[in-house]
């Protein structure tokens, strides 16, 4: 079952399973960063309002960028 868990008013972490809407909707609504967690592929896709995309693997780390300065989360904690 999919879930949507806002990290703050402008950043969201979303599970891919059962996602009935697109990350573009979040970005169009003003969200600056959308983290799409894909546990089956063991990766996180980071979509940004400026249209850029990063794909991070198990050895990567989420970064709050300018939305959540100082926030980091090693993906081995999320994807294991």
N, C-alpha and C. Protein backbone atom coordinates (compact mmCIF):
# COMPACT_ATOMS: atom_id res chain seq x y z
N UNK A 1 0.84 -1.17 0.00
CA UNK A 1 0.00 0.00 0.00
C UNK A 1 0.89 1.23 0.00
N UNK A 2 0.58 2.22 -0.80
CA UNK A 2 1.38 3.45 -0.88
C UNK A 2 1.08 4.38 0.27
N UNK A 3 2.03 5.24 0.53
CA UNK A 3 1.82 6.23 1.57
C UNK A 3 2.47 7.52 1.16
N UNK A 4 1.98 8.60 1.70
CA UNK A 4 2.56 9.91 1.48
C UNK A 4 2.90 10.48 2.84
N UNK A 5 4.16 10.80 3.05
CA UNK A 5 4.59 11.31 4.34
C UNK A 5 5.32 12.63 4.14
N UNK A 6 4.63 13.75 4.33
CA UNK A 6 5.32 15.02 4.19
C UNK A 6 6.42 15.16 5.23
N UNK A 7 7.61 15.55 4.79
CA UNK A 7 8.72 15.79 5.70
C UNK A 7 8.64 17.23 6.19
N UNK A 8 8.22 18.13 5.33
CA UNK A 8 7.94 19.51 5.72
C UNK A 8 6.91 20.03 4.73
N UNK A 9 6.60 21.29 4.79
CA UNK A 9 5.62 21.86 3.88
C UNK A 9 6.08 21.88 2.44
N UNK A 10 7.38 21.73 2.20
CA UNK A 10 7.87 21.83 0.84
C UNK A 10 8.69 20.63 0.40
N UNK A 11 8.73 19.57 1.18
CA UNK A 11 9.48 18.37 0.83
C UNK A 11 8.61 17.16 1.15
N UNK A 12 8.61 16.15 0.28
CA UNK A 12 7.79 14.97 0.51
C UNK A 12 8.56 13.71 0.20
N UNK A 13 8.32 12.67 0.99
CA UNK A 13 8.84 11.34 0.71
C UNK A 13 7.64 10.47 0.35
N UNK A 14 7.72 9.77 -0.75
CA UNK A 14 6.57 9.04 -1.27
C UNK A 14 6.98 7.62 -1.60
N UNK A 15 6.18 6.66 -1.20
CA UNK A 15 6.39 5.28 -1.60
C UNK A 15 5.81 5.08 -2.99
N UNK A 16 6.51 4.34 -3.85
CA UNK A 16 6.05 4.11 -5.22
C UNK A 16 4.84 3.20 -5.28
N UNK A 17 4.74 2.26 -4.37
CA UNK A 17 3.68 1.26 -4.43
C UNK A 17 2.31 1.91 -4.33
N UNK A 18 1.47 1.69 -5.31
CA UNK A 18 0.10 2.18 -5.26
C UNK A 18 -0.04 3.68 -5.45
N UNK A 19 0.98 4.35 -5.94
CA UNK A 19 0.90 5.79 -6.10
C UNK A 19 -0.06 6.11 -7.25
N UNK A 20 -1.20 6.71 -6.94
CA UNK A 20 -2.20 6.97 -7.94
C UNK A 20 -2.10 8.36 -8.56
N UNK A 21 -1.12 9.13 -8.21
CA UNK A 21 -0.91 10.46 -8.75
C UNK A 21 0.57 10.64 -8.97
N UNK A 22 0.94 11.67 -9.66
CA UNK A 22 2.34 11.84 -10.02
C UNK A 22 3.06 12.86 -9.17
N UNK A 23 4.38 12.72 -9.13
CA UNK A 23 5.22 13.67 -8.41
C UNK A 23 5.09 15.06 -9.02
N UNK A 24 4.75 15.12 -10.30
CA UNK A 24 4.59 16.42 -10.97
C UNK A 24 3.49 17.24 -10.31
N UNK A 25 2.46 16.58 -9.78
CA UNK A 25 1.40 17.28 -9.07
C UNK A 25 1.94 17.99 -7.83
N UNK A 26 2.82 17.31 -7.10
CA UNK A 26 3.44 17.92 -5.91
C UNK A 26 4.28 19.12 -6.32
N UNK A 27 5.08 18.94 -7.37
CA UNK A 27 5.95 20.03 -7.82
C UNK A 27 5.14 21.21 -8.33
N UNK A 28 4.07 20.94 -9.06
CA UNK A 28 3.20 22.00 -9.57
C UNK A 28 2.53 22.77 -8.44
N UNK A 29 2.32 22.09 -7.31
CA UNK A 29 1.68 22.73 -6.16
C UNK A 29 2.66 23.52 -5.31
N UNK A 30 3.96 23.52 -5.71
CA UNK A 30 4.93 24.33 -4.99
C UNK A 30 5.95 23.56 -4.17
N UNK A 31 5.83 22.23 -4.14
CA UNK A 31 6.81 21.43 -3.44
C UNK A 31 8.16 21.56 -4.15
N UNK A 32 9.23 21.81 -3.41
CA UNK A 32 10.54 22.04 -4.02
C UNK A 32 11.29 20.76 -4.32
N UNK A 33 11.10 19.73 -3.48
CA UNK A 33 11.80 18.45 -3.66
C UNK A 33 10.80 17.33 -3.41
N UNK A 34 10.80 16.32 -4.28
CA UNK A 34 10.01 15.11 -4.05
C UNK A 34 10.96 13.93 -4.08
N UNK A 35 10.95 13.15 -3.00
CA UNK A 35 11.77 11.94 -2.92
C UNK A 35 10.86 10.76 -3.18
N UNK A 36 11.12 10.02 -4.25
CA UNK A 36 10.32 8.84 -4.58
C UNK A 36 11.16 7.62 -4.21
N UNK A 37 10.71 6.90 -3.20
CA UNK A 37 11.43 5.74 -2.67
C UNK A 37 10.92 4.49 -3.38
N UNK A 38 11.84 3.75 -3.99
CA UNK A 38 11.50 2.50 -4.67
C UNK A 38 12.25 1.37 -3.98
N UNK A 39 11.62 0.73 -2.99
CA UNK A 39 12.32 -0.31 -2.23
C UNK A 39 12.68 -1.54 -3.06
N UNK A 40 11.90 -1.85 -4.10
CA UNK A 40 12.22 -3.00 -4.94
C UNK A 40 13.51 -2.79 -5.71
N UNK A 41 13.70 -1.59 -6.23
CA UNK A 41 14.94 -1.28 -6.96
C UNK A 41 16.05 -0.78 -6.04
N UNK A 42 15.69 -0.57 -4.79
CA UNK A 42 16.63 -0.07 -3.78
C UNK A 42 17.26 1.24 -4.24
N UNK A 43 16.37 2.18 -4.60
CA UNK A 43 16.83 3.49 -5.03
C UNK A 43 15.81 4.56 -4.65
N UNK A 44 16.27 5.78 -4.64
CA UNK A 44 15.41 6.94 -4.41
C UNK A 44 15.65 7.91 -5.56
N UNK A 45 14.56 8.35 -6.18
CA UNK A 45 14.65 9.37 -7.21
C UNK A 45 14.29 10.71 -6.58
N UNK A 46 15.13 11.70 -6.80
CA UNK A 46 14.93 13.03 -6.24
C UNK A 46 14.54 13.97 -7.37
N UNK A 47 13.27 14.38 -7.37
CA UNK A 47 12.77 15.31 -8.37
C UNK A 47 12.74 16.71 -7.75
N UNK A 48 13.16 17.70 -8.53
CA UNK A 48 13.22 19.07 -8.05
C UNK A 48 12.33 19.97 -8.90
N UNK A 49 11.90 21.06 -8.31
CA UNK A 49 11.02 22.00 -8.99
C UNK A 49 11.66 22.57 -10.25
N UNK A 50 12.99 22.64 -10.30
CA UNK A 50 13.67 23.18 -11.48
C UNK A 50 13.75 22.15 -12.62
N UNK A 51 13.19 20.95 -12.41
CA UNK A 51 13.18 19.91 -13.44
C UNK A 51 14.32 18.93 -13.36
N UNK A 52 15.27 19.15 -12.48
CA UNK A 52 16.40 18.23 -12.37
C UNK A 52 16.00 16.96 -11.61
N UNK A 53 16.74 15.90 -11.87
CA UNK A 53 16.48 14.59 -11.28
C UNK A 53 17.80 13.96 -10.86
N UNK A 54 17.81 13.36 -9.68
CA UNK A 54 18.94 12.55 -9.23
C UNK A 54 18.42 11.19 -8.85
N UNK A 55 19.19 10.15 -9.13
CA UNK A 55 18.84 8.80 -8.72
C UNK A 55 19.93 8.34 -7.76
N UNK A 56 19.51 7.99 -6.54
CA UNK A 56 20.44 7.60 -5.49
C UNK A 56 20.25 6.14 -5.13
N UNK A 57 21.34 5.44 -4.91
CA UNK A 57 21.29 4.04 -4.51
C UNK A 57 21.52 3.87 -3.03
N UNK A 58 21.64 2.63 -2.63
CA UNK A 58 21.80 2.25 -1.23
C UNK A 58 22.97 2.95 -0.55
N UNK A 59 24.02 3.27 -1.29
CA UNK A 59 25.19 3.91 -0.69
C UNK A 59 25.07 5.44 -0.66
N UNK A 60 23.98 5.98 -1.23
CA UNK A 60 23.78 7.42 -1.26
C UNK A 60 23.18 7.95 0.02
N UNK A 61 22.91 9.24 0.01
CA UNK A 61 22.33 9.90 1.17
C UNK A 61 21.37 10.98 0.70
N UNK A 62 20.17 11.02 1.31
CA UNK A 62 19.25 12.11 1.03
C UNK A 62 19.80 13.38 1.65
N UNK A 63 19.58 14.48 0.97
CA UNK A 63 20.06 15.78 1.42
C UNK A 63 18.88 16.74 1.37
N UNK A 64 18.69 17.50 2.43
CA UNK A 64 17.58 18.45 2.48
C UNK A 64 17.78 19.68 1.61
N UNK A 65 18.98 19.80 1.02
CA UNK A 65 19.31 20.93 0.15
C UNK A 65 18.93 22.24 0.82
N UNK A 66 18.38 23.20 0.07
CA UNK A 66 18.04 24.49 0.68
C UNK A 66 16.68 24.47 1.36
N UNK A 67 15.94 23.35 1.22
CA UNK A 67 14.63 23.23 1.84
C UNK A 67 14.74 22.86 3.32
N UNK A 68 15.62 21.91 3.62
CA UNK A 68 15.89 21.46 4.99
C UNK A 68 17.40 21.49 5.22
N UNK A 69 17.98 22.68 5.34
CA UNK A 69 19.44 22.77 5.49
C UNK A 69 19.95 21.91 6.65
N UNK A 70 20.99 21.16 6.36
CA UNK A 70 21.61 20.31 7.38
C UNK A 70 21.01 18.93 7.50
N UNK A 71 19.86 18.68 6.85
CA UNK A 71 19.24 17.36 6.93
C UNK A 71 19.96 16.40 6.00
N UNK A 72 20.34 15.25 6.51
CA UNK A 72 20.85 14.15 5.70
C UNK A 72 20.30 12.84 6.25
N UNK A 73 20.12 11.89 5.37
CA UNK A 73 19.63 10.58 5.77
C UNK A 73 20.32 9.53 4.90
N UNK A 74 21.24 8.74 5.47
CA UNK A 74 21.89 7.68 4.70
C UNK A 74 20.83 6.69 4.21
N UNK A 75 20.86 6.39 2.92
CA UNK A 75 19.84 5.52 2.34
C UNK A 75 19.95 4.09 2.79
N UNK A 76 21.11 3.67 3.28
CA UNK A 76 21.20 2.31 3.80
C UNK A 76 20.22 2.14 4.97
N UNK A 77 19.87 3.24 5.66
CA UNK A 77 18.88 3.19 6.75
C UNK A 77 17.46 3.07 6.22
N UNK A 78 17.23 3.55 5.02
CA UNK A 78 15.89 3.57 4.43
C UNK A 78 15.64 2.33 3.57
N UNK A 79 16.64 1.93 2.80
CA UNK A 79 16.44 0.89 1.79
C UNK A 79 16.81 -0.52 2.25
N UNK A 80 17.28 -0.66 3.46
CA UNK A 80 17.67 -2.01 3.91
C UNK A 80 16.52 -2.77 4.51
